[in-house]
């Protein structure tokens, strides 16, 4: 079971993640304050996160809809993703995910 550390407002939440869940589901299951306004439909951008550089390549391919939505966000970075679109894998063990507000 991979461990993922979420950073929200400088507070760390180290949680056990279930392979196959999204980062958004993982956060919700573990009471991490990560808002997902569209509940995973990839239409709002409220679950914007930054994945640490050691794990961004392990977060899977970014699909067109996610990429397009991220382009509309003012704080997009090279390692930006939407938590509702990233599926947890074993390779994501020890990933650090920073929530962007």
PDB file of N, CA and C in Angstrom:
ATOM      1  N   UNK A   1       0.852  -1.177   0.000  1.00  0.00           N
ATOM      2  CA  UNK A   1       0.000   0.000   0.000  1.00  0.00           C
ATOM      3  C   UNK A   1       0.898   1.241   0.000  1.00  0.00           C
ATOM      4  N   UNK A   2       0.830   2.054  -1.050  1.00  0.00           N
ATOM      5  CA  UNK A   2       1.695   3.235  -1.103  1.00  0.00           C
ATOM      6  C   UNK A   2       1.301   4.290  -0.070  1.00  0.00           C
ATOM      7  N   UNK A   3       2.295   4.980   0.404  1.00  0.00           N
ATOM      8  CA  UNK A   3       2.073   6.119   1.302  1.00  0.00           C
ATOM      9  C   UNK A   3       2.216   7.386   0.479  1.00  0.00           C
ATOM     10  N   UNK A   4       1.287   8.305   0.681  1.00  0.00           N
ATOM     11  CA  UNK A   4       1.320   9.586  -0.018  1.00  0.00           C
ATOM     12  C   UNK A   4       1.210  10.681   1.028  1.00  0.00           C
ATOM     13  N   UNK A   5       2.040  11.708   0.867  1.00  0.00           N
ATOM     14  CA  UNK A   5       1.977  12.858   1.761  1.00  0.00           C
ATOM     15  C   UNK A   5       1.329  14.014   1.017  1.00  0.00           C
ATOM     16  N   UNK A   6       0.209  14.478   1.562  1.00  0.00           N
ATOM     17  CA  UNK A   6      -0.459  15.664   1.050  1.00  0.00           C
ATOM     18  C   UNK A   6      -0.018  16.848   1.898  1.00  0.00           C
ATOM     19  N   UNK A   7       0.266  17.958   1.268  1.00  0.00           N
ATOM     20  CA  UNK A   7       0.586  19.185   1.988  1.00  0.00           C
ATOM     21  C   UNK A   7      -0.519  20.187   1.684  1.00  0.00           C
ATOM     22  N   UNK A   8      -1.197  20.598   2.751  1.00  0.00           N
ATOM     23  CA  UNK A   8      -2.295  21.555   2.620  1.00  0.00           C
ATOM     24  C   UNK A   8      -2.047  22.689   3.603  1.00  0.00           C
ATOM     25  N   UNK A   9      -1.868  23.896   3.088  1.00  0.00           N
ATOM     26  CA  UNK A   9      -1.615  25.066   3.948  1.00  0.00           C
ATOM     27  C   UNK A   9      -0.482  24.797   4.941  1.00  0.00           C
ATOM     28  N   UNK A  10       0.607  24.216   4.440  1.00  0.00           N
ATOM     29  CA  UNK A  10       1.811  23.910   5.229  1.00  0.00           C
ATOM     30  C   UNK A  10       1.624  22.816   6.274  1.00  0.00           C
ATOM     31  N   UNK A  11       0.502  22.120   6.246  1.00  0.00           N
ATOM     32  CA  UNK A  11       0.280  20.994   7.153  1.00  0.00           C
ATOM     33  C   UNK A  11       0.396  19.710   6.350  1.00  0.00           C
ATOM     34  N   UNK A  12       1.120  18.727   6.883  1.00  0.00           N
ATOM     35  CA  UNK A  12       1.334  17.459   6.194  1.00  0.00           C
ATOM     36  C   UNK A  12       0.355  16.391   6.676  1.00  0.00           C
ATOM     37  N   UNK A  13      -0.154  15.632   5.723  1.00  0.00           N
ATOM     38  CA  UNK A  13      -1.033  14.495   5.985  1.00  0.00           C
ATOM     39  C   UNK A  13      -0.417  13.289   5.288  1.00  0.00           C
ATOM     40  N   UNK A  14       0.197  12.394   6.027  1.00  0.00           N
ATOM     41  CA  UNK A  14       0.794  11.192   5.462  1.00  0.00           C
ATOM     42  C   UNK A  14      -0.250  10.075   5.569  1.00  0.00           C
ATOM     43  N   UNK A  15      -0.677   9.565   4.424  1.00  0.00           N
ATOM     44  CA  UNK A  15      -1.787   8.619   4.410  1.00  0.00           C
ATOM     45  C   UNK A  15      -1.439   7.368   3.616  1.00  0.00           C
ATOM     46  N   UNK A  16      -2.145   6.292   3.910  1.00  0.00           N
ATOM     47  CA  UNK A  16      -2.061   5.076   3.112  1.00  0.00           C
ATOM     48  C   UNK A  16      -3.036   5.229   1.960  1.00  0.00           C
ATOM     49  N   UNK A  17      -2.579   4.916   0.757  1.00  0.00           N
ATOM     50  CA  UNK A  17      -3.415   5.035  -0.428  1.00  0.00           C
ATOM     51  C   UNK A  17      -3.731   3.646  -0.974  1.00  0.00           C
ATOM     52  N   UNK A  18      -4.870   3.532  -1.603  1.00  0.00           N
ATOM     53  CA  UNK A  18      -5.281   2.286  -2.238  1.00  0.00           C
ATOM     54  C   UNK A  18      -4.960   2.375  -3.724  1.00  0.00           C
ATOM     55  N   UNK A  19      -4.200   1.417  -4.215  1.00  0.00           N
ATOM     56  CA  UNK A  19      -3.883   1.375  -5.637  1.00  0.00           C
ATOM     57  C   UNK A  19      -5.194   1.298  -6.416  1.00  0.00           C
ATOM     58  N   UNK A  20      -5.319   2.171  -7.420  1.00  0.00           N
ATOM     59  CA  UNK A  20      -6.534   2.216  -8.231  1.00  0.00           C
ATOM     60  C   UNK A  20      -7.459   3.363  -7.885  1.00  0.00           C
ATOM     61  N   UNK A  21      -7.332   3.903  -6.669  1.00  0.00           N
ATOM     62  CA  UNK A  21      -8.095   5.098  -6.290  1.00  0.00           C
ATOM     63  C   UNK A  21      -7.440   6.323  -6.920  1.00  0.00           C
ATOM     64  N   UNK A  22      -8.191   7.389  -7.076  1.00  0.00           N
ATOM     65  CA  UNK A  22      -7.588   8.656  -7.496  1.00  0.00           C
ATOM     66  C   UNK A  22      -6.998   9.348  -6.272  1.00  0.00           C
ATOM     67  N   UNK A  23      -6.173  10.338  -6.521  1.00  0.00           N
ATOM     68  CA  UNK A  23      -5.650  11.135  -5.402  1.00  0.00           C
ATOM     69  C   UNK A  23      -6.785  11.842  -4.673  1.00  0.00           C
ATOM     70  N   UNK A  24      -7.804  12.269  -5.391  1.00  0.00           N
ATOM     71  CA  UNK A  24      -8.942  12.932  -4.747  1.00  0.00           C
ATOM     72  C   UNK A  24      -9.676  11.973  -3.816  1.00  0.00           C
ATOM     73  N   UNK A  25      -9.939  10.766  -4.259  1.00  0.00           N
ATOM     74  CA  UNK A  25     -10.601   9.767  -3.414  1.00  0.00           C
ATOM     75  C   UNK A  25      -9.724   9.441  -2.213  1.00  0.00           C
ATOM     76  N   UNK A  26      -8.425   9.313  -2.446  1.00  0.00           N
ATOM     77  CA  UNK A  26      -7.487   9.040  -1.352  1.00  0.00           C
ATOM     78  C   UNK A  26      -7.563  10.130  -0.297  1.00  0.00           C
ATOM     79  N   UNK A  27      -7.553  11.382  -0.742  1.00  0.00           N
ATOM     80  CA  UNK A  27      -7.637  12.505   0.199  1.00  0.00           C
ATOM     81  C   UNK A  27      -8.944  12.456   0.988  1.00  0.00           C
ATOM     82  N   UNK A  28     -10.042  12.251   0.295  1.00  0.00           N
ATOM     83  CA  UNK A  28     -11.345  12.224   0.973  1.00  0.00           C
ATOM     84  C   UNK A  28     -11.446  11.083   1.980  1.00  0.00           C
ATOM     85  N   UNK A  29     -10.946   9.899   1.612  1.00  0.00           N
ATOM     86  CA  UNK A  29     -10.987   8.747   2.520  1.00  0.00           C
ATOM     87  C   UNK A  29     -10.187   9.000   3.795  1.00  0.00           C
ATOM     88  N   UNK A  30      -9.189   9.881   3.701  1.00  0.00           N
ATOM     89  CA  UNK A  30      -8.288  10.121   4.830  1.00  0.00           C
ATOM     90  C   UNK A  30      -8.467  11.496   5.461  1.00  0.00           C
ATOM     91  N   UNK A  31      -9.592  12.134   5.189  1.00  0.00           N
ATOM     92  CA  UNK A  31      -9.937  13.432   5.779  1.00  0.00           C
ATOM     93  C   UNK A  31      -8.906  14.524   5.499  1.00  0.00           C
ATOM     94  N   UNK A  32      -8.293  14.453   4.325  1.00  0.00           N
ATOM     95  CA  UNK A  32      -7.379  15.506   3.882  1.00  0.00           C
ATOM     96  C   UNK A  32      -8.248  16.606   3.265  1.00  0.00           C
ATOM     97  N   UNK A  33      -8.084  17.856   3.678  1.00  0.00           N
ATOM     98  CA  UNK A  33      -8.932  18.928   3.147  1.00  0.00           C
ATOM     99  C   UNK A  33      -8.560  19.318   1.711  1.00  0.00           C
ATOM    100  N   UNK A  34      -8.977  18.479   0.787  1.00  0.00           N
ATOM    101  CA  UNK A  34      -8.779  18.716  -0.639  1.00  0.00           C
ATOM    102  C   UNK A  34     -10.158  18.763  -1.268  1.00  0.00           C
ATOM    103  N   UNK A  35     -10.531  19.925  -1.785  1.00  0.00           N
ATOM    104  CA  UNK A  35     -11.861  20.125  -2.339  1.00  0.00           C
ATOM    105  C   UNK A  35     -11.901  19.633  -3.776  1.00  0.00           C
ATOM    106  N   UNK A  36     -12.941  18.948  -4.115  1.00  0.00           N
ATOM    107  CA  UNK A  36     -13.179  18.511  -5.493  1.00  0.00           C
ATOM    108  C   UNK A  36     -14.607  18.861  -5.854  1.00  0.00           C
ATOM    109  N   UNK A  37     -14.797  20.082  -6.319  1.00  0.00           N
ATOM    110  CA  UNK A  37     -16.140  20.614  -6.548  1.00  0.00           C
ATOM    111  C   UNK A  37     -16.996  19.809  -7.506  1.00  0.00           C
ATOM    112  N   UNK A  38     -16.376  19.222  -8.520  1.00  0.00           N
ATOM    113  CA  UNK A  38     -17.155  18.469  -9.514  1.00  0.00           C
ATOM    114  C   UNK A  38     -17.165  16.976  -9.191  1.00  0.00           C
ATOM    115  N   UNK A  39     -16.586  16.601  -8.077  1.00  0.00           N
ATOM    116  CA  UNK A  39     -16.557  15.216  -7.594  1.00  0.00           C
ATOM    117  C   UNK A  39     -15.902  14.255  -8.585  1.00  0.00           C
ATOM    118  N   UNK A  40     -14.871  14.749  -9.264  1.00  0.00           N
ATOM    119  CA  UNK A  40     -14.099  13.874 -10.130  1.00  0.00           C
ATOM    120  C   UNK A  40     -14.457  13.897 -11.599  1.00  0.00           C
ATOM    121  N   UNK A  41     -15.294  14.830 -12.011  1.00  0.00           N
ATOM    122  CA  UNK A  41     -15.729  14.878 -13.414  1.00  0.00           C
ATOM    123  C   UNK A  41     -14.763  15.640 -14.320  1.00  0.00           C
ATOM    124  N   UNK A  42     -13.714  16.208 -13.767  1.00  0.00           N
ATOM    125  CA  UNK A  42     -12.697  16.939 -14.535  1.00  0.00           C
ATOM    126  C   UNK A  42     -13.290  18.150 -15.256  1.00  0.00           C
ATOM    127  N   UNK A  43     -14.092  18.929 -14.509  1.00  0.00           N
ATOM    128  CA  UNK A  43     -14.678  20.128 -15.123  1.00  0.00           C
ATOM    129  C   UNK A  43     -14.497  21.401 -14.298  1.00  0.00           C
ATOM    130  N   UNK A  44     -13.880  21.310 -13.107  1.00  0.00           N
ATOM    131  CA  UNK A  44     -13.838  22.527 -12.284  1.00  0.00           C
ATOM    132  C   UNK A  44     -12.438  23.011 -11.909  1.00  0.00           C
ATOM    133  N   UNK A  45     -11.474  22.126 -11.771  1.00  0.00           N
ATOM    134  CA  UNK A  45     -10.113  22.528 -11.421  1.00  0.00           C
ATOM    135  C   UNK A  45      -9.881  22.788  -9.949  1.00  0.00           C
ATOM    136  N   UNK A  46     -10.851  22.512  -9.089  1.00  0.00           N
ATOM    137  CA  UNK A  46     -10.675  22.811  -7.663  1.00  0.00           C
ATOM    138  C   UNK A  46      -9.791  21.802  -6.935  1.00  0.00           C
ATOM    139  N   UNK A  47      -9.424  20.724  -7.585  1.00  0.00           N
ATOM    140  CA  UNK A  47      -8.539  19.733  -6.952  1.00  0.00           C
ATOM    141  C   UNK A  47      -7.127  19.827  -7.518  1.00  0.00           C
ATOM    142  N   UNK A  48      -6.730  21.037  -7.901  1.00  0.00           N
ATOM    143  CA  UNK A  48      -5.394  21.289  -8.469  1.00  0.00           C
ATOM    144  C   UNK A  48      -4.322  20.965  -7.434  1.00  0.00           C
ATOM    145  N   UNK A  49      -3.363  20.149  -7.849  1.00  0.00           N
ATOM    146  CA  UNK A  49      -2.252  19.781  -6.977  1.00  0.00           C
ATOM    147  C   UNK A  49      -0.945  19.840  -7.759  1.00  0.00           C
ATOM    148  N   UNK A  50       0.146  19.903  -7.013  1.00  0.00           N
ATOM    149  CA  UNK A  50       1.484  19.766  -7.585  1.00  0.00           C
ATOM    150  C   UNK A  50       2.059  18.459  -7.062  1.00  0.00           C
ATOM    151  N   UNK A  51       2.570  17.641  -7.975  1.00  0.00           N
ATOM    152  CA  UNK A  51       3.168  16.370  -7.585  1.00  0.00           C
ATOM    153  C   UNK A  51       4.684  16.537  -7.637  1.00  0.00           C
ATOM    154  N   UNK A  52       5.361  16.078  -6.590  1.00  0.00           N
ATOM    155  CA  UNK A  52       6.807  16.290  -6.514  1.00  0.00           C
ATOM    156  C   UNK A  52       7.506  15.749  -7.749  1.00  0.00           C
ATOM    157  N   UNK A  53       8.648  16.352  -8.065  1.00  0.00           N
ATOM    158  CA  UNK A  53       9.348  16.043  -9.317  1.00  0.00           C
ATOM    159  C   UNK A  53       9.812  14.599  -9.414  1.00  0.00           C
ATOM    160  N   UNK A  54       9.985  13.903  -8.292  1.00  0.00           N
ATOM    161  CA  UNK A  54      10.388  12.501  -8.340  1.00  0.00           C
ATOM    162  C   UNK A  54       9.240  11.564  -8.712  1.00  0.00           C
ATOM    163  N   UNK A  55       8.011  12.066  -8.630  1.00  0.00           N
ATOM    164  CA  UNK A  55       6.856  11.213  -8.879  1.00  0.00           C
ATOM    165  C   UNK A  55       5.952  11.691 -10.010  1.00  0.00           C
ATOM    166  N   UNK A  56       6.158  12.884 -10.535  1.00  0.00           N
ATOM    167  CA  UNK A  56       5.261  13.398 -11.569  1.00  0.00           C
ATOM    168  C   UNK A  56       5.241  12.478 -12.791  1.00  0.00           C
ATOM    169  N   UNK A  57       6.365  11.889 -13.138  1.00  0.00           N
ATOM    170  CA  UNK A  57       6.401  10.989 -14.304  1.00  0.00           C
ATOM    171  C   UNK A  57       5.664   9.680 -14.034  1.00  0.00           C
ATOM    172  N   UNK A  58       5.382   9.398 -12.783  1.00  0.00           N
ATOM    173  CA  UNK A  58       4.686   8.165 -12.401  1.00  0.00           C
ATOM    174  C   UNK A  58       3.190   8.381 -12.229  1.00  0.00           C
ATOM    175  N   UNK A  59       2.739   9.599 -12.491  1.00  0.00           N
ATOM    176  CA  UNK A  59       1.331   9.947 -12.274  1.00  0.00           C
ATOM    177  C   UNK A  59       0.449   9.651 -13.479  1.00  0.00           C
ATOM    178  N   UNK A  60       1.010   9.015 -14.493  1.00  0.00           N
ATOM    179  CA  UNK A  60       0.218   8.659 -15.663  1.00  0.00           C
ATOM    180  C   UNK A  60       0.167   9.781 -16.683  1.00  0.00           C
ATOM    181  N   UNK A  61      -0.282   9.429 -17.867  1.00  0.00           N
ATOM    182  CA  UNK A  61      -0.406  10.401 -18.950  1.00  0.00           C
ATOM    183  C   UNK A  61      -1.527  11.382 -18.652  1.00  0.00           C
ATOM    184  N   UNK A  62      -1.295  12.625 -19.006  1.00  0.00           N
ATOM    185  CA  UNK A  62      -2.324  13.639 -18.838  1.00  0.00           C
ATOM    186  C   UNK A  62      -3.224  13.622 -20.079  1.00  0.00           C
ATOM    187  N   UNK A  63      -4.515  13.542 -19.863  1.00  0.00           N
ATOM    188  CA  UNK A  63      -5.483  13.519 -20.967  1.00  0.00           C
ATOM    189  C   UNK A  63      -5.797  14.951 -21.405  1.00  0.00           C
ATOM    190  N   UNK A  64      -6.350  15.069 -22.596  1.00  0.00           N
ATOM    191  CA  UNK A  64      -6.643  16.379 -23.184  1.00  0.00           C
ATOM    192  C   UNK A  64      -7.522  17.242 -22.277  1.00  0.00           C
ATOM    193  N   UNK A  65      -8.608  16.684 -21.740  1.00  0.00           N
ATOM    194  CA  UNK A  65      -9.538  17.477 -20.925  1.00  0.00           C
ATOM    195  C   UNK A  65      -8.851  18.050 -19.692  1.00  0.00           C
ATOM    196  N   UNK A  66      -8.020  17.251 -19.037  1.00  0.00           N
ATOM    197  CA  UNK A  66      -7.290  17.721 -17.856  1.00  0.00           C
ATOM    198  C   UNK A  66      -6.283  18.798 -18.238  1.00  0.00           C
ATOM    199  N   UNK A  67      -5.543  18.557 -19.300  1.00  0.00           N
ATOM    200  CA  UNK A  67      -4.544  19.516 -19.764  1.00  0.00           C
ATOM    201  C   UNK A  67      -5.203  20.852 -20.120  1.00  0.00           C
ATOM    202  N   UNK A  68      -6.319  20.783 -20.811  1.00  0.00           N
ATOM    203  CA  UNK A  68      -7.063  21.977 -21.218  1.00  0.00           C
ATOM    204  C   UNK A  68      -7.561  22.750 -19.993  1.00  0.00           C
ATOM    205  N   UNK A  69      -8.090  22.040 -19.013  1.00  0.00           N
ATOM    206  CA  UNK A  69      -8.585  22.693 -17.798  1.00  0.00           C
ATOM    207  C   UNK A  69      -7.435  23.306 -17.004  1.00  0.00           C
ATOM    208  N   UNK A  70      -6.319  22.611 -16.906  1.00  0.00           N
ATOM    209  CA  UNK A  70      -5.162  23.154 -16.195  1.00  0.00           C
ATOM    210  C   UNK A  70      -4.663  24.442 -16.847  1.00  0.00           C
ATOM    211  N   UNK A  71      -4.778  24.536 -18.168  1.00  0.00           N
ATOM    212  CA  UNK A  71      -4.373  25.761 -18.872  1.00  0.00           C
ATOM    213  C   UNK A  71      -5.176  26.976 -18.438  1.00  0.00           C
ATOM    214  N   UNK A  72      -6.360  26.748 -17.910  1.00  0.00           N
ATOM    215  CA  UNK A  72      -7.233  27.850 -17.469  1.00  0.00           C
ATOM    216  C   UNK A  72      -6.934  28.294 -16.040  1.00  0.00           C
ATOM    217  N   UNK A  73      -6.107  27.561 -15.329  1.00  0.00           N
ATOM    218  CA  UNK A  73      -5.828  27.875 -13.930  1.00  0.00           C
ATOM    219  C   UNK A  73      -4.642  28.822 -13.816  1.00  0.00           C
ATOM    220  N   UNK A  74      -4.740  29.823 -12.933  1.00  0.00           N
ATOM    221  CA  UNK A  74      -3.679  30.832 -12.844  1.00  0.00           C
ATOM    222  C   UNK A  74      -2.357  30.334 -12.262  1.00  0.00           C
ATOM    223  N   UNK A  75      -2.363  29.237 -11.524  1.00  0.00           N
ATOM    224  CA  UNK A  75      -1.145  28.775 -10.859  1.00  0.00           C
ATOM    225  C   UNK A  75      -0.604  27.477 -11.459  1.00  0.00           C
ATOM    226  N   UNK A  76      -0.854  27.258 -12.743  1.00  0.00           N
ATOM    227  CA  UNK A  76      -0.371  26.025 -13.364  1.00  0.00           C
ATOM    228  C   UNK A  76       1.156  26.006 -13.420  1.00  0.00           C
ATOM    229  N   UNK A  77       1.706  24.836 -13.097  1.00  0.00           N
ATOM    230  CA  UNK A  77       3.144  24.606 -13.154  1.00  0.00           C
ATOM    231  C   UNK A  77       3.381  23.352 -13.999  1.00  0.00           C
ATOM    232  N   UNK A  78       4.636  23.048 -14.282  1.00  0.00           N
ATOM    233  CA  UNK A  78       4.943  21.854 -15.075  1.00  0.00           C
ATOM    234  C   UNK A  78       4.496  20.564 -14.393  1.00  0.00           C
ATOM    235  N   UNK A  79       4.455  20.581 -13.062  1.00  0.00           N
ATOM    236  CA  UNK A  79       4.058  19.387 -12.318  1.00  0.00           C
ATOM    237  C   UNK A  79       2.630  19.483 -11.780  1.00  0.00           C
ATOM    238  N   UNK A  80       1.810  20.328 -12.396  1.00  0.00           N
ATOM    239  CA  UNK A  80       0.398  20.452 -12.015  1.00  0.00           C
ATOM    240  C   UNK A  80      -0.401  19.269 -12.533  1.00  0.00           C
ATOM    241  N   UNK A  81      -1.319  18.821 -11.708  1.00  0.00           N
ATOM    242  CA  UNK A  81      -2.283  17.797 -12.103  1.00  0.00           C
ATOM    243  C   UNK A  81      -3.579  18.068 -11.358  1.00  0.00           C
ATOM    244  N   UNK A  82      -4.640  17.422 -11.800  1.00  0.00           N
ATOM    245  CA  UNK A  82      -5.900  17.437 -11.074  1.00  0.00           C
ATOM    246  C   UNK A  82      -5.975  16.134 -10.292  1.00  0.00           C
ATOM    247  N   UNK A  83      -6.197  16.237  -8.996  1.00  0.00           N
ATOM    248  CA  UNK A  83      -6.199  15.051  -8.135  1.00  0.00           C
ATOM    249  C   UNK A  83      -7.273  14.045  -8.546  1.00  0.00           C
ATOM    250  N   UNK A  84      -8.329  14.531  -9.171  1.00  0.00           N
ATOM    251  CA  UNK A  84      -9.398  13.625  -9.599  1.00  0.00           C
ATOM    252  C   UNK A  84      -9.005  12.781 -10.803  1.00  0.00           C
ATOM    253  N   UNK A  85      -7.902  13.116 -11.457  1.00  0.00           N
ATOM    254  CA  UNK A  85      -7.495  12.414 -12.666  1.00  0.00           C
ATOM    255  C   UNK A  85      -6.262  11.537 -12.488  1.00  0.00           C
ATOM    256  N   UNK A  86      -5.623  11.608 -11.342  1.00  0.00           N
ATOM    257  CA  UNK A  86      -4.400  10.822 -11.110  1.00  0.00           C
ATOM    258  C   UNK A  86      -4.761   9.559 -10.337  1.00  0.00           C
ATOM    259  N   UNK A  87      -4.486   8.427 -10.970  1.00  0.00           N
ATOM    260  CA  UNK A  87      -4.748   7.125 -10.359  1.00  0.00           C
ATOM    261  C   UNK A  87      -3.512   6.693  -9.574  1.00  0.00           C
ATOM    262  N   UNK A  88      -3.726   6.298  -8.326  1.00  0.00           N
ATOM    263  CA  UNK A  88      -2.629   5.851  -7.469  1.00  0.00           C
ATOM    264  C   UNK A  88      -2.107   4.501  -7.961  1.00  0.00           C
ATOM    265  N   UNK A  89      -0.775   4.417  -8.070  1.00  0.00           N
ATOM    266  CA  UNK A  89      -0.098   3.169  -8.401  1.00  0.00           C
ATOM    267  C   UNK A  89       0.944   2.889  -7.324  1.00  0.00           C
ATOM    268  N   UNK A  90       1.480   1.687  -7.319  1.00  0.00           N
ATOM    269  CA  UNK A  90       2.554   1.344  -6.370  1.00  0.00           C
ATOM    270  C   UNK A  90       3.749   2.270  -6.551  1.00  0.00           C
ATOM    271  N   UNK A  91       4.004   2.697  -7.794  1.00  0.00           N
ATOM    272  CA  UNK A  91       5.137   3.581  -8.094  1.00  0.00           C
ATOM    273  C   UNK A  91       5.016   4.950  -7.426  1.00  0.00           C
ATOM    274  N   UNK A  92       3.839   5.280  -6.943  1.00  0.00           N
ATOM    275  CA  UNK A  92       3.640   6.589  -6.318  1.00  0.00           C
ATOM    276  C   UNK A  92       3.944   6.567  -4.815  1.00  0.00           C
ATOM    277  N   UNK A  93       4.470   5.452  -4.317  1.00  0.00           N
ATOM    278  CA  UNK A  93       4.835   5.368  -2.906  1.00  0.00           C
ATOM    279  C   UNK A  93       5.801   6.497  -2.556  1.00  0.00           C
ATOM    280  N   UNK A  94       5.524   7.181  -1.466  1.00  0.00           N
ATOM    281  CA  UNK A  94       6.296   8.305  -0.943  1.00  0.00           C
ATOM    282  C   UNK A  94       6.164   9.586  -1.759  1.00  0.00           C
ATOM    283  N   UNK A  95       5.139   9.672  -2.604  1.00  0.00           N
ATOM    284  CA  UNK A  95       4.900  10.899  -3.361  1.00  0.00           C
ATOM    285  C   UNK A  95       4.480  12.016  -2.417  1.00  0.00           C
ATOM    286  N   UNK A  96       4.857  13.228  -2.782  1.00  0.00           N
ATOM    287  CA  UNK A  96       4.441  14.417  -2.049  1.00  0.00           C
ATOM    288  C   UNK A  96       3.543  15.226  -2.971  1.00  0.00           C
ATOM    289  N   UNK A  97       2.333  15.460  -2.512  1.00  0.00           N
ATOM    290  CA  UNK A  97       1.307  16.132  -3.306  1.00  0.00           C
ATOM    291  C   UNK A  97       0.909  17.416  -2.575  1.00  0.00           C
ATOM    292  N   UNK A  98       1.191  18.552  -3.196  1.00  0.00           N
ATOM    293  CA  UNK A  98       0.872  19.845  -2.582  1.00  0.00           C
ATOM    294  C   UNK A  98      -0.426  20.374  -3.164  1.00  0.00           C
ATOM    295  N   UNK A  99      -1.362  20.667  -2.290  1.00  0.00           N
ATOM    296  CA  UNK A  99      -2.676  21.173  -2.714  1.00  0.00           C
ATOM    297  C   UNK A  99      -2.555  22.673  -2.989  1.00  0.00           C
ATOM    298  N   UNK A 100      -3.034  23.080  -4.162  1.00  0.00           N
ATOM    299  CA  UNK A 100      -3.012  24.488  -4.568  1.00  0.00           C
ATOM    300  C   UNK A 100      -4.394  25.074  -4.327  1.00  0.00           C
ATOM    301  N   UNK A 101      -4.420  26.169  -3.626  1.00  0.00           N
ATOM    302  CA  UNK A 101      -5.707  26.844  -3.347  1.00  0.00           C
ATOM    303  C   UNK A 101      -5.766  28.148  -4.086  1.00  0.00           C
TER     304      UNK A 101
END
